[in-house]
Amino acid sequence: DFSVFYRDVRDWVGASPMIQAYLPNVQYSQYANKDYS
């Protein structure tokens, strides 16, 4: 049995860009659907 396959993965979980909080020098990021494999 010989098989050829291809899998395309969208909405791979990554991290969002840094978000500036109200406190100085405090930033945060959230997991986000932004990567691919």
PDB file of all heavy atoms in Angstrom:
ATOM      1  N   ASP A   1       0.870  -1.180   0.000  1.00  0.00           N
ATOM      2  CA  ASP A   1       0.000   0.000   0.000  1.00  0.00           C
ATOM      3  C   ASP A   1       0.902   1.224   0.000  1.00  0.00           C
ATOM      4  O   ASP A   1       1.672   1.434   0.940  1.00  0.00           O
ATOM      5  CB  ASP A   1      -0.914  -0.006   1.224  1.00  0.00           C
ATOM      6  CG  ASP A   1      -1.957   1.112   1.190  1.00  0.00           C
ATOM      7  OD1 ASP A   1      -1.834   2.030   0.351  1.00  0.00           O
ATOM      8  OD2 ASP A   1      -2.892   1.066   1.993  1.00  0.00           O
ATOM      9  N   PHE A   2       0.824   2.039  -1.034  1.00  0.00           N
ATOM     10  CA  PHE A   2       1.637   3.254  -1.153  1.00  0.00           C
ATOM     11  C   PHE A   2       0.698   4.457  -1.158  1.00  0.00           C
ATOM     12  O   PHE A   2      -0.263   4.508  -1.935  1.00  0.00           O
ATOM     13  CB  PHE A   2       2.456   3.230  -2.443  1.00  0.00           C
ATOM     14  CG  PHE A   2       3.275   4.478  -2.659  1.00  0.00           C
ATOM     15  CD1 PHE A   2       4.447   4.686  -1.952  1.00  0.00           C
ATOM     16  CD2 PHE A   2       2.866   5.443  -3.565  1.00  0.00           C
ATOM     17  CE1 PHE A   2       5.199   5.836  -2.144  1.00  0.00           C
ATOM     18  CE2 PHE A   2       3.603   6.595  -3.767  1.00  0.00           C
ATOM     19  CZ  PHE A   2       4.785   6.792  -3.051  1.00  0.00           C
ATOM     20  N   SER A   3       0.948   5.425  -0.277  1.00  0.00           N
ATOM     21  CA  SER A   3       0.079   6.600  -0.156  1.00  0.00           C
ATOM     22  C   SER A   3       0.915   7.867  -0.081  1.00  0.00           C
ATOM     23  O   SER A   3       1.979   7.893   0.548  1.00  0.00           O
ATOM     24  CB  SER A   3      -0.810   6.514   1.092  1.00  0.00           C
ATOM     25  OG  SER A   3      -1.659   5.389   1.036  1.00  0.00           O
ATOM     26  N   VAL A   4       0.421   8.912  -0.716  1.00  0.00           N
ATOM     27  CA  VAL A   4       1.012  10.245  -0.638  1.00  0.00           C
ATOM     28  C   VAL A   4       0.005  11.145   0.069  1.00  0.00           C
ATOM     29  O   VAL A   4      -1.198  11.095  -0.224  1.00  0.00           O
ATOM     30  CB  VAL A   4       1.324  10.802  -2.046  1.00  0.00           C
ATOM     31  CG1 VAL A   4       1.902  12.203  -1.954  1.00  0.00           C
ATOM     32  CG2 VAL A   4       2.294   9.873  -2.778  1.00  0.00           C
ATOM     33  N   PHE A   5       0.465  11.975   1.008  1.00  0.00           N
ATOM     34  CA  PHE A   5      -0.475  12.793   1.782  1.00  0.00           C
ATOM     35  C   PHE A   5       0.028  14.228   1.920  1.00  0.00           C
ATOM     36  O   PHE A   5       1.226  14.512   1.785  1.00  0.00           O
ATOM     37  CB  PHE A   5      -0.703  12.188   3.172  1.00  0.00           C
ATOM     38  CG  PHE A   5       0.541  12.103   4.023  1.00  0.00           C
ATOM     39  CD1 PHE A   5       0.949  13.162   4.814  1.00  0.00           C
ATOM     40  CD2 PHE A   5       1.312  10.951   4.023  1.00  0.00           C
ATOM     41  CE1 PHE A   5       2.091  13.092   5.590  1.00  0.00           C
ATOM     42  CE2 PHE A   5       2.466  10.859   4.793  1.00  0.00           C
ATOM     43  CZ  PHE A   5       2.851  11.931   5.583  1.00  0.00           C
ATOM     44  N   TYR A   6      -0.907  15.107   2.201  1.00  0.00           N
ATOM     45  CA  TYR A   6      -0.600  16.520   2.453  1.00  0.00           C
ATOM     46  C   TYR A   6      -1.601  17.038   3.472  1.00  0.00           C
ATOM     47  O   TYR A   6      -2.817  16.839   3.325  1.00  0.00           O
ATOM     48  CB  TYR A   6      -0.694  17.339   1.167  1.00  0.00           C
ATOM     49  CG  TYR A   6      -0.436  18.814   1.374  1.00  0.00           C
ATOM     50  CD1 TYR A   6       0.864  19.312   1.464  1.00  0.00           C
ATOM     51  CD2 TYR A   6      -1.486  19.714   1.513  1.00  0.00           C
ATOM     52  CE1 TYR A   6       1.115  20.657   1.671  1.00  0.00           C
ATOM     53  CE2 TYR A   6      -1.253  21.072   1.722  1.00  0.00           C
ATOM     54  CZ  TYR A   6       0.046  21.533   1.802  1.00  0.00           C
ATOM     55  OH  TYR A   6       0.286  22.866   2.015  1.00  0.00           O
ATOM     56  N   ARG A   7      -1.103  17.694   4.528  1.00  0.00           N
ATOM     57  CA  ARG A   7      -1.977  18.275   5.561  1.00  0.00           C
ATOM     58  C   ARG A   7      -1.678  19.761   5.672  1.00  0.00           C
ATOM     59  O   ARG A   7      -0.528  20.167   5.843  1.00  0.00           O
ATOM     60  CB  ARG A   7      -1.751  17.602   6.917  1.00  0.00           C
ATOM     61  CG  ARG A   7      -2.028  16.118   6.929  1.00  0.00           C
ATOM     62  CD  ARG A   7      -1.930  15.551   8.343  1.00  0.00           C
ATOM     63  NE  ARG A   7      -2.053  14.104   8.344  1.00  0.00           N
ATOM     64  CZ  ARG A   7      -1.041  13.265   8.496  1.00  0.00           C
ATOM     65  NH1 ARG A   7       0.183  13.741   8.671  1.00  0.00           N
ATOM     66  NH2 ARG A   7      -1.226  11.958   8.480  1.00  0.00           N
ATOM     67  N   ASP A   8      -2.713  20.546   5.598  1.00  0.00           N
ATOM     68  CA  ASP A   8      -2.605  21.998   5.688  1.00  0.00           C
ATOM     69  C   ASP A   8      -3.312  22.432   6.974  1.00  0.00           C
ATOM     70  O   ASP A   8      -4.514  22.199   7.126  1.00  0.00           O
ATOM     71  CB  ASP A   8      -3.271  22.628   4.456  1.00  0.00           C
ATOM     72  CG  ASP A   8      -3.089  24.124   4.412  1.00  0.00           C
ATOM     73  OD1 ASP A   8      -2.090  24.572   3.856  1.00  0.00           O
ATOM     74  OD2 ASP A   8      -3.978  24.842   4.927  1.00  0.00           O
ATOM     75  N   VAL A   9      -2.586  23.040   7.917  1.00  0.00           N
ATOM     76  CA  VAL A   9      -3.141  23.392   9.227  1.00  0.00           C
ATOM     77  C   VAL A   9      -3.249  24.903   9.342  1.00  0.00           C
ATOM     78  O   VAL A   9      -2.237  25.619   9.305  1.00  0.00           O
ATOM     79  CB  VAL A   9      -2.273  22.830  10.371  1.00  0.00           C
ATOM     80  CG1 VAL A   9      -2.931  23.118  11.717  1.00  0.00           C
ATOM     81  CG2 VAL A   9      -2.050  21.339  10.198  1.00  0.00           C
ATOM     82  N   ARG A  10      -4.474  25.383   9.487  1.00  0.00           N
ATOM     83  CA  ARG A  10      -4.743  26.818   9.654  1.00  0.00           C
ATOM     84  C   ARG A  10      -5.163  27.082  11.102  1.00  0.00           C
ATOM     85  O   ARG A  10      -5.538  26.185  11.839  1.00  0.00           O
ATOM     86  CB  ARG A  10      -5.860  27.269   8.710  1.00  0.00           C
ATOM     87  CG  ARG A  10      -5.595  26.946   7.244  1.00  0.00           C
ATOM     88  CD  ARG A  10      -4.687  27.952   6.609  1.00  0.00           C
ATOM     89  NE  ARG A  10      -4.343  27.603   5.236  1.00  0.00           N
ATOM     90  CZ  ARG A  10      -3.759  28.425   4.396  1.00  0.00           C
ATOM     91  NH1 ARG A  10      -3.428  29.650   4.778  1.00  0.00           N
ATOM     92  NH2 ARG A  10      -3.452  28.027   3.165  1.00  0.00           N
ATOM     93  N   ASP A  11      -5.127  28.361  11.479  1.00  0.00           N
ATOM     94  CA  ASP A  11      -5.459  28.782  12.849  1.00  0.00           C
ATOM     95  C   ASP A  11      -4.579  28.079  13.878  1.00  0.00           C
ATOM     96  O   ASP A  11      -5.013  27.779  14.987  1.00  0.00           O
ATOM     97  CB  ASP A  11      -6.943  28.544  13.162  1.00  0.00           C
ATOM     98  CG  ASP A  11      -7.837  29.582  12.513  1.00  0.00           C
ATOM     99  OD1 ASP A  11      -7.335  30.680  12.204  1.00  0.00           O
ATOM    100  OD2 ASP A  11      -9.035  29.306  12.311  1.00  0.00           O
ATOM    101  N   TRP A  12      -3.339  27.791  13.487  1.00  0.00           N
ATOM    102  CA  TRP A  12      -2.327  27.257  14.409  1.00  0.00           C
ATOM    103  C   TRP A  12      -2.117  28.287  15.509  1.00  0.00           C
ATOM    104  O   TRP A  12      -1.973  29.477  15.245  1.00  0.00           O
ATOM    105  CB  TRP A  12      -1.063  27.011  13.620  1.00  0.00           C
ATOM    106  CG  TRP A  12       0.045  26.289  14.306  1.00  0.00           C
ATOM    107  CD1 TRP A  12       1.178  26.847  14.813  1.00  0.00           C
ATOM    108  CD2 TRP A  12       0.162  24.886  14.521  1.00  0.00           C
ATOM    109  NE1 TRP A  12       2.000  25.880  15.331  1.00  0.00           N
ATOM    110  CE2 TRP A  12       1.393  24.661  15.170  1.00  0.00           C
ATOM    111  CE3 TRP A  12      -0.665  23.789  14.241  1.00  0.00           C
ATOM    112  CZ2 TRP A  12       1.825  23.393  15.540  1.00  0.00           C
ATOM    113  CZ3 TRP A  12      -0.235  22.531  14.612  1.00  0.00           C
ATOM    114  CH2 TRP A  12       0.990  22.342  15.256  1.00  0.00           C
ATOM    115  N   VAL A  13      -2.113  27.859  16.756  1.00  0.00           N
ATOM    116  CA  VAL A  13      -2.077  28.802  17.879  1.00  0.00           C
ATOM    117  C   VAL A  13      -0.689  29.424  18.006  1.00  0.00           C
ATOM    118  O   VAL A  13       0.331  28.719  18.018  1.00  0.00           O
ATOM    119  CB  VAL A  13      -2.476  28.099  19.186  1.00  0.00           C
ATOM    120  CG1 VAL A  13      -2.366  29.075  20.362  1.00  0.00           C
ATOM    121  CG2 VAL A  13      -3.890  27.556  19.082  1.00  0.00           C
ATOM    122  N   GLY A  14      -0.673  30.738  18.087  1.00  0.00           N
ATOM    123  CA  GLY A  14       0.556  31.494  18.316  1.00  0.00           C
ATOM    124  C   GLY A  14       0.325  32.506  19.430  1.00  0.00           C
ATOM    125  O   GLY A  14      -0.519  32.298  20.304  1.00  0.00           O
ATOM    126  N   ALA A  15       1.047  33.589  19.402  1.00  0.00           N
ATOM    127  CA  ALA A  15       0.907  34.644  20.410  1.00  0.00           C
ATOM    128  C   ALA A  15       0.661  35.971  19.717  1.00  0.00           C
ATOM    129  O   ALA A  15       1.271  36.269  18.685  1.00  0.00           O
ATOM    130  CB  ALA A  15       2.155  34.722  21.292  1.00  0.00           C
ATOM    131  N   SER A  16      -0.232  36.766  20.285  1.00  0.00           N
ATOM    132  CA  SER A  16      -0.563  38.060  19.693  1.00  0.00           C
ATOM    133  C   SER A  16       0.577  39.051  19.915  1.00  0.00           C
ATOM    134  O   SER A  16       1.442  38.841  20.771  1.00  0.00           O
ATOM    135  CB  SER A  16      -1.843  38.599  20.325  1.00  0.00           C
ATOM    136  OG  SER A  16      -1.596  38.996  21.671  1.00  0.00           O
ATOM    137  N   PRO A  17       0.609  40.156  19.162  1.00  0.00           N
ATOM    138  CA  PRO A  17       1.601  41.207  19.440  1.00  0.00           C
ATOM    139  C   PRO A  17       1.447  41.738  20.869  1.00  0.00           C
ATOM    140  O   PRO A  17       0.374  41.633  21.470  1.00  0.00           O
ATOM    141  CB  PRO A  17       1.261  42.286  18.405  1.00  0.00           C
ATOM    142  CG  PRO A  17       0.541  41.563  17.317  1.00  0.00           C
ATOM    143  CD  PRO A  17      -0.221  40.464  17.987  1.00  0.00           C
ATOM    144  N   MET A  18       2.516  42.281  21.399  1.00  0.00           N
ATOM    145  CA  MET A  18       2.479  42.814  22.751  1.00  0.00           C
ATOM    146  C   MET A  18       1.492  43.979  22.864  1.00  0.00           C
ATOM    147  O   MET A  18       1.418  44.832  21.973  1.00  0.00           O
ATOM    148  CB  MET A  18       3.872  43.279  23.177  1.00  0.00           C
ATOM    149  CG  MET A  18       4.835  42.137  23.474  1.00  0.00           C
ATOM    150  SD  MET A  18       4.298  41.180  24.918  1.00  0.00           S
ATOM    151  CE  MET A  18       5.625  39.969  24.985  1.00  0.00           C
ATOM    152  N   ILE A  19       0.741  43.989  23.957  1.00  0.00           N
ATOM    153  CA  ILE A  19      -0.242  45.041  24.228  1.00  0.00           C
ATOM    154  C   ILE A  19       0.244  45.825  25.437  1.00  0.00           C
ATOM    155  O   ILE A  19       0.564  45.243  26.483  1.00  0.00           O
ATOM    156  CB  ILE A  19      -1.631  44.431  24.504  1.00  0.00           C
ATOM    157  CG1 ILE A  19      -2.082  43.594  23.286  1.00  0.00           C
ATOM    158  CG2 ILE A  19      -2.652  45.523  24.816  1.00  0.00           C
ATOM    159  CD1 ILE A  19      -3.314  42.765  23.544  1.00  0.00           C
ATOM    160  N   GLN A  20       0.292  47.136  25.302  1.00  0.00           N
ATOM    161  CA  GLN A  20       0.773  47.991  26.395  1.00  0.00           C
ATOM    162  C   GLN A  20      -0.333  48.168  27.433  1.00  0.00           C
ATOM    163  O   GLN A  20      -1.450  48.548  27.115  1.00  0.00           O
ATOM    164  CB  GLN A  20       1.208  49.353  25.860  1.00  0.00           C
ATOM    165  CG  GLN A  20       1.715  50.309  26.925  1.00  0.00           C
ATOM    166  CD  GLN A  20       2.974  49.797  27.622  1.00  0.00           C
ATOM    167  OE1 GLN A  20       3.929  49.423  26.977  1.00  0.00           O
ATOM    168  NE2 GLN A  20       2.951  49.792  28.952  1.00  0.00           N
ATOM    169  N   ALA A  21      -0.014  47.854  28.690  1.00  0.00           N
ATOM    170  CA  ALA A  21      -0.967  48.047  29.782  1.00  0.00           C
ATOM    171  C   ALA A  21      -0.895  49.494  30.263  1.00  0.00           C
ATOM    172  O   ALA A  21      -0.043  50.276  29.842  1.00  0.00           O
ATOM    173  CB  ALA A  21      -0.645  47.084  30.924  1.00  0.00           C
ATOM    174  N   TYR A  22      -1.821  49.864  31.158  1.00  0.00           N
ATOM    175  CA  TYR A  22      -1.804  51.220  31.707  1.00  0.00           C
ATOM    176  C   TYR A  22      -0.577  51.457  32.590  1.00  0.00           C
ATOM    177  O   TYR A  22      -0.086  52.580  32.687  1.00  0.00           O
ATOM    178  CB  TYR A  22      -3.079  51.473  32.528  1.00  0.00           C
ATOM    179  CG  TYR A  22      -4.314  51.602  31.668  1.00  0.00           C
ATOM    180  CD1 TYR A  22      -5.291  50.617  31.667  1.00  0.00           C
ATOM    181  CD2 TYR A  22      -4.506  52.715  30.847  1.00  0.00           C
ATOM    182  CE1 TYR A  22      -6.423  50.725  30.876  1.00  0.00           C
ATOM    183  CE2 TYR A  22      -5.635  52.831  30.046  1.00  0.00           C
ATOM    184  CZ  TYR A  22      -6.586  51.831  30.060  1.00  0.00           C
ATOM    185  OH  TYR A  22      -7.709  51.940  29.271  1.00  0.00           O
ATOM    186  N   LEU A  23      -0.110  50.382  33.214  1.00  0.00           N
ATOM    187  CA  LEU A  23       1.091  50.512  34.034  1.00  0.00           C
ATOM    188  C   LEU A  23       2.303  50.692  33.134  1.00  0.00           C
ATOM    189  O   LEU A  23       2.406  50.048  32.084  1.00  0.00           O
ATOM    190  CB  LEU A  23       1.269  49.277  34.913  1.00  0.00           C
ATOM    191  CG  LEU A  23       0.147  48.983  35.910  1.00  0.00           C
ATOM    192  CD1 LEU A  23       0.359  47.630  36.564  1.00  0.00           C
ATOM    193  CD2 LEU A  23       0.090  50.080  36.971  1.00  0.00           C
ATOM    194  N   PRO A  24       3.242  51.537  33.497  1.00  0.00           N
ATOM    195  CA  PRO A  24       4.426  51.745  32.647  1.00  0.00           C
ATOM    196  C   PRO A  24       5.293  50.491  32.598  1.00  0.00           C
ATOM    197  O   PRO A  24       5.454  49.784  33.601  1.00  0.00           O
ATOM    198  CB  PRO A  24       5.151  52.909  33.334  1.00  0.00           C
ATOM    199  CG  PRO A  24       4.670  52.889  34.749  1.00  0.00           C
ATOM    200  CD  PRO A  24       3.261  52.404  34.695  1.00  0.00           C
ATOM    201  N   ASN A  25       5.835  50.212  31.420  1.00  0.00           N
ATOM    202  CA  ASN A  25       6.736  49.086  31.200  1.00  0.00           C
ATOM    203  C   ASN A  25       6.103  47.721  31.504  1.00  0.00           C
ATOM    204  O   ASN A  25       6.805  46.760  31.817  1.00  0.00           O
ATOM    205  CB  ASN A  25       8.017  49.245  32.041  1.00  0.00           C
ATOM    206  CG  ASN A  25       8.801  50.482  31.646  1.00  0.00           C
ATOM    207  OD1 ASN A  25       8.909  50.804  30.468  1.00  0.00           O
ATOM    208  ND2 ASN A  25       9.320  51.187  32.647  1.00  0.00           N
ATOM    209  N   VAL A  26       4.791  47.659  31.450  1.00  0.00           N
ATOM    210  CA  VAL A  26       4.085  46.391  31.630  1.00  0.00           C
ATOM    211  C   VAL A  26       3.329  46.086  30.337  1.00  0.00           C
ATOM    212  O   VAL A  26       2.517  46.886  29.879  1.00  0.00           O
ATOM    213  CB  VAL A  26       3.105  46.431  32.821  1.00  0.00           C
ATOM    214  CG1 VAL A  26       2.317  45.123  32.894  1.00  0.00           C
ATOM    215  CG2 VAL A  26       3.861  46.674  34.116  1.00  0.00           C
ATOM    216  N   GLN A  27       3.631  44.955  29.736  1.00  0.00           N
ATOM    217  CA  GLN A  27       2.976  44.539  28.501  1.00  0.00           C
ATOM    218  C   GLN A  27       2.484  43.105  28.633  1.00  0.00           C
ATOM    219  O   GLN A  27       2.977  42.345  29.463  1.00  0.00           O
ATOM    220  CB  GLN A  27       3.956  44.622  27.321  1.00  0.00           C
ATOM    221  CG  GLN A  27       4.438  46.026  27.009  1.00  0.00           C
ATOM    222  CD  GLN A  27       5.448  46.042  25.879  1.00  0.00           C
ATOM    223  OE1 GLN A  27       6.359  45.216  25.841  1.00  0.00           O
ATOM    224  NE2 GLN A  27       5.288  46.957  24.940  1.00  0.00           N
ATOM    225  N   TYR A  28       1.515  42.773  27.808  1.00  0.00           N
ATOM    226  CA  TYR A  28       1.016  41.401  27.840  1.00  0.00           C
ATOM    227  C   TYR A  28       0.638  40.953  26.429  1.00  0.00           C
ATOM    228  O   TYR A  28       0.413  41.759  25.527  1.00  0.00           O
ATOM    229  CB  TYR A  28      -0.172  41.258  28.785  1.00  0.00           C
ATOM    230  CG  TYR A  28      -1.434  41.974  28.349  1.00  0.00           C
ATOM    231  CD1 TYR A  28      -2.415  41.295  27.602  1.00  0.00           C
ATOM    232  CD2 TYR A  28      -1.656  43.306  28.686  1.00  0.00           C
ATOM    233  CE1 TYR A  28      -3.569  41.945  27.202  1.00  0.00           C
ATOM    234  CE2 TYR A  28      -2.802  43.951  28.286  1.00  0.00           C
ATOM    235  CZ  TYR A  28      -3.761  43.269  27.549  1.00  0.00           C
ATOM    236  OH  TYR A  28      -4.897  43.915  27.149  1.00  0.00           O
ATOM    237  N   SER A  29       0.582  39.648  26.285  1.00  0.00           N
ATOM    238  CA  SER A  29       0.197  39.032  25.020  1.00  0.00           C
ATOM    239  C   SER A  29      -0.802  37.923  25.316  1.00  0.00           C
ATOM    240  O   SER A  29      -0.868  37.420  26.450  1.00  0.00           O
ATOM    241  CB  SER A  29       1.430  38.460  24.310  1.00  0.00           C
ATOM    242  OG  SER A  29       1.060  37.730  23.154  1.00  0.00           O
ATOM    243  N   GLN A  30      -1.601  37.557  24.312  1.00  0.00           N
ATOM    244  CA  GLN A  30      -2.553  36.461  24.454  1.00  0.00           C
ATOM    245  C   GLN A  30      -2.309  35.426  23.368  1.00  0.00           C
ATOM    246  O   GLN A  30      -1.814  35.746  22.285  1.00  0.00           O
ATOM    247  CB  GLN A  30      -3.997  36.963  24.322  1.00  0.00           C
ATOM    248  CG  GLN A  30      -4.586  37.570  25.570  1.00  0.00           C
ATOM    249  CD  GLN A  30      -6.069  37.836  25.394  1.00  0.00           C
ATOM    250  OE1 GLN A  30      -6.461  38.646  24.559  1.00  0.00           O
ATOM    251  NE2 GLN A  30      -6.878  37.163  26.176  1.00  0.00           N
ATOM    252  N   TYR A  31      -2.657  34.193  23.671  1.00  0.00           N
ATOM    253  CA  TYR A  31      -2.644  33.180  22.618  1.00  0.00           C
ATOM    254  C   TYR A  31      -3.626  33.590  21.531  1.00  0.00           C
ATOM    255  O   TYR A  31      -4.711  34.093  21.818  1.00  0.00           O
ATOM    256  CB  TYR A  31      -3.021  31.812  23.182  1.00  0.00           C
ATOM    257  CG  TYR A  31      -1.991  31.235  24.127  1.00  0.00           C
ATOM    258  CD1 TYR A  31      -2.265  31.071  25.478  1.00  0.00           C
ATOM    259  CD2 TYR A  31      -0.738  30.856  23.659  1.00  0.00           C
ATOM    260  CE1 TYR A  31      -1.314  30.539  26.345  1.00  0.00           C
ATOM    261  CE2 TYR A  31       0.211  30.327  24.514  1.00  0.00           C
ATOM    262  CZ  TYR A  31      -0.088  30.175  25.853  1.00  0.00           C
ATOM    263  OH  TYR A  31       0.869  29.659  26.705  1.00  0.00           O
ATOM    264  N   ALA A  32      -3.239  33.376  20.273  1.00  0.00           N
ATOM    265  CA  ALA A  32      -4.073  33.818  19.153  1.00  0.00           C
ATOM    266  C   ALA A  32      -3.926  32.843  17.991  1.00  0.00           C
ATOM    267  O   ALA A  32      -2.882  32.201  17.826  1.00  0.00           O
ATOM    268  CB  ALA A  32      -3.683  35.228  18.713  1.00  0.00           C
ATOM    269  N   ASN A  33      -4.987  32.770  17.188  1.00  0.00           N
ATOM    270  CA  ASN A  33      -4.935  31.931  15.977  1.00  0.00           C
ATOM    271  C   ASN A  33      -4.259  32.734  14.867  1.00  0.00           C
ATOM    272  O   ASN A  33      -4.919  33.416  14.093  1.00  0.00           O
ATOM    273  CB  ASN A  33      -6.346  31.538  15.533  1.00  0.00           C
ATOM    274  CG  ASN A  33      -7.076  30.718  16.577  1.00  0.00           C
ATOM    275  OD1 ASN A  33      -7.986  31.189  17.235  1.00  0.00           O
ATOM    276  ND2 ASN A  33      -6.687  29.472  16.726  1.00  0.00           N
ATOM    277  N   LYS A  34      -2.943  32.647  14.773  1.00  0.00           N
ATOM    278  CA  LYS A  34      -2.245  33.477  13.803  1.00  0.00           C
ATOM    279  C   LYS A  34      -1.121  32.763  13.062  1.00  0.00           C
ATOM    280  O   LYS A  34      -0.507  33.334  12.174  1.00  0.00           O
ATOM    281  CB  LYS A  34      -1.686  34.742  14.478  1.00  0.00           C
ATOM    282  CG  LYS A  34      -0.656  34.468  15.561  1.00  0.00           C
ATOM    283  CD  LYS A  34      -0.215  35.750  16.260  1.00  0.00           C
ATOM    284  CE  LYS A  34       0.497  36.694  15.343  1.00  0.00           C
ATOM    285  NZ  LYS A  34       1.828  36.213  14.946  1.00  0.00           N
ATOM    286  N   ASP A  35      -0.855  31.522  13.411  1.00  0.00           N
ATOM    287  CA  ASP A  35       0.269  30.826  12.781  1.00  0.00           C
ATOM    288  C   ASP A  35      -0.230  29.740  11.830  1.00  0.00           C
ATOM    289  O   ASP A  35      -1.434  29.486  11.709  1.00  0.00           O
ATOM    290  CB  ASP A  35       1.204  30.238  13.842  1.00  0.00           C
ATOM    291  CG  ASP A  35       2.028  31.320  14.521  1.00  0.00           C
ATOM    292  OD1 ASP A  35       2.419  32.275  13.823  1.00  0.00           O
ATOM    293  OD2 ASP A  35       2.258  31.235  15.730  1.00  0.00           O
ATOM    294  N   TYR A  36       0.710  29.077  11.166  1.00  0.00           N
ATOM    295  CA  TYR A  36       0.389  28.140  10.092  1.00  0.00           C
ATOM    296  C   TYR A  36       1.412  27.016  10.076  1.00  0.00           C
ATOM    297  O   TYR A  36       2.576  27.204  10.436  1.00  0.00           O
ATOM    298  CB  TYR A  36       0.416  28.879   8.743  1.00  0.00           C
ATOM    299  CG  TYR A  36       0.362  27.983   7.537  1.00  0.00           C
ATOM    300  CD1 TYR A  36      -0.845  27.468   7.082  1.00  0.00           C
ATOM    301  CD2 TYR A  36       1.526  27.637   6.858  1.00  0.00           C
ATOM    302  CE1 TYR A  36      -0.889  26.629   5.975  1.00  0.00           C
ATOM    303  CE2 TYR A  36       1.491  26.802   5.753  1.00  0.00           C
ATOM    304  CZ  TYR A  36       0.283  26.304   5.319  1.00  0.00           C
ATOM    305  OH  TYR A  36       0.237  25.471   4.229  1.00  0.00           O
ATOM    306  N   SER A  37       0.975  25.829   9.668  1.00  0.00           N
ATOM    307  CA  SER A  37       1.912  24.714   9.490  1.00  0.00           C
ATOM    308  C   SER A  37       1.365  23.774   8.423  1.00  0.00           C
ATOM    309  O   SER A  37       0.178  23.806   8.095  1.00  0.00           O
ATOM    310  CB  SER A  37       2.120  23.953  10.809  1.00  0.00           C
ATOM    311  OG  SER A  37       0.955  23.244  11.165  1.00  0.00           O
TER     312      SER A  37
END
